C-alpha atoms as a PDB file:
ATOM      1  CA  UNK A   1     -18.743 -14.730  42.358  1.00  0.00           C
ATOM      2  CA  UNK A   2     -16.260 -11.694  41.150  1.00  0.00           C
ATOM      3  CA  UNK A   3     -15.199 -11.464  38.132  1.00  0.00           C
ATOM      4  CA  UNK A   4     -11.678 -12.115  37.155  1.00  0.00           C
ATOM      5  CA  UNK A   5     -10.146 -11.790  33.981  1.00  0.00           C
ATOM      6  CA  UNK A   6      -8.370 -15.224  32.457  1.00  0.00           C
ATOM      7  CA  UNK A   7      -5.063 -13.389  31.389  1.00  0.00           C
ATOM      8  CA  UNK A   8      -3.343 -16.231  29.875  1.00  0.00           C
ATOM      9  CA  UNK A   9      -6.702 -16.365  27.651  1.00  0.00           C
ATOM     10  CA  UNK A  10      -6.614 -12.638  26.955  1.00  0.00           C
ATOM     11  CA  UNK A  11      -3.218 -12.505  25.851  1.00  0.00           C
ATOM     12  CA  UNK A  12      -3.846 -15.431  22.958  1.00  0.00           C
ATOM     13  CA  UNK A  13      -7.154 -13.996  22.142  1.00  0.00           C
ATOM     14  CA  UNK A  14      -5.370 -10.797  21.714  1.00  0.00           C
ATOM     15  CA  UNK A  15      -2.546 -12.350  19.664  1.00  0.00           C
ATOM     16  CA  UNK A  16      -4.757 -14.056  17.553  1.00  0.00           C
ATOM     17  CA  UNK A  17      -6.541 -11.190  16.316  1.00  0.00           C
ATOM     18  CA  UNK A  18      -3.467  -9.144  15.468  1.00  0.00           C
ATOM     19  CA  UNK A  19      -2.097 -11.677  13.525  1.00  0.00           C
ATOM     20  CA  UNK A  20      -5.507 -12.258  11.580  1.00  0.00           C
ATOM     21  CA  UNK A  21      -4.794  -8.424  11.201  1.00  0.00           C
ATOM     22  CA  UNK A  22      -1.282  -8.805   9.941  1.00  0.00           C
ATOM     23  CA  UNK A  23      -2.570 -11.827   7.830  1.00  0.00           C
ATOM     24  CA  UNK A  24      -4.955  -9.916   6.019  1.00  0.00           C
ATOM     25  CA  UNK A  25      -3.064  -6.729   4.918  1.00  0.00           C
ATOM     26  CA  UNK A  26      -0.080  -8.743   4.374  1.00  0.00           C
ATOM     27  CA  UNK A  27      -2.710 -10.559   2.198  1.00  0.00           C
ATOM     28  CA  UNK A  28      -3.558  -7.209   0.186  1.00  0.00           C
ATOM     29  CA  UNK A  29      -0.786  -5.357  -0.022  1.00  0.00           C
ATOM     30  CA  UNK A  30      -0.187  -4.039  -3.347  1.00  0.00           C
ATOM     31  CA  UNK A  31       3.370  -2.382  -4.655  1.00  0.00           C
ATOM     32  CA  UNK A  32       4.235   0.992  -4.803  1.00  0.00           C
ATOM     33  CA  UNK A  33       4.515   1.739  -8.638  1.00  0.00           C
ATOM     34  CA  UNK A  34       7.033   3.895  -8.489  1.00  0.00           C
ATOM     35  CA  UNK A  35       8.583   4.442 -12.165  1.00  0.00           C
ATOM     36  CA  UNK A  36       6.678   3.514 -15.208  1.00  0.00           C
ATOM     37  CA  UNK A  37       7.804   2.863 -18.853  1.00  0.00           C
ATOM     38  CA  UNK A  38       6.893   5.319 -21.127  1.00  0.00           C
ATOM     39  CA  UNK A  39       7.919   4.364 -24.516  1.00  0.00           C
ATOM     40  CA  UNK A  40       9.393   6.799 -27.592  1.00  0.00           C
ATOM     41  CA  UNK A  41       6.925   7.926 -28.871  1.00  0.00           C
ATOM     42  CA  UNK A  42       4.918   9.049 -25.444  1.00  0.00           C
ATOM     43  CA  UNK A  43       8.735  11.015 -24.660  1.00  0.00           C
ATOM     44  CA  UNK A  44       9.012  12.741 -28.065  1.00  0.00           C
ATOM     45  CA  UNK A  45       4.774  14.001 -28.050  1.00  0.00           C
ATOM     46  CA  UNK A  46       5.770  15.599 -24.310  1.00  0.00           C
ATOM     47  CA  UNK A  47       8.722  16.697 -26.301  1.00  0.00           C
ATOM     48  CA  UNK A  48       6.202  18.572 -28.697  1.00  0.00           C
ATOM     49  CA  UNK A  49       4.491  19.905 -26.433  1.00  0.00           C
ATOM     50  CA  UNK A  50       7.032  21.763 -23.874  1.00  0.00           C
ATOM     51  CA  UNK A  51       8.247  23.027 -27.097  1.00  0.00           C
ATOM     52  CA  UNK A  52       5.591  24.638 -28.541  1.00  0.00           C
ATOM     53  CA  UNK A  53       4.447  25.972 -24.549  1.00  0.00           C
ATOM     54  CA  UNK A  54       8.020  27.835 -24.995  1.00  0.00           C
ATOM     55  CA  UNK A  55       7.063  29.257 -28.163  1.00  0.00           C
ATOM     56  CA  UNK A  56       4.233  31.107 -27.077  1.00  0.00           C
END
């Protein structure tokens, strides 16, 4: 008996696997943090460091 591929079942299995991978990626996705809120103390200390470096 020859080997035959069940095309419909093959497509269904590939679709299940692809959907599972897509679902895992979607659940583990985390947003990229683009901007951080800086407190005035932090920005003031950064300005002091920049000023001291310019003096040298």
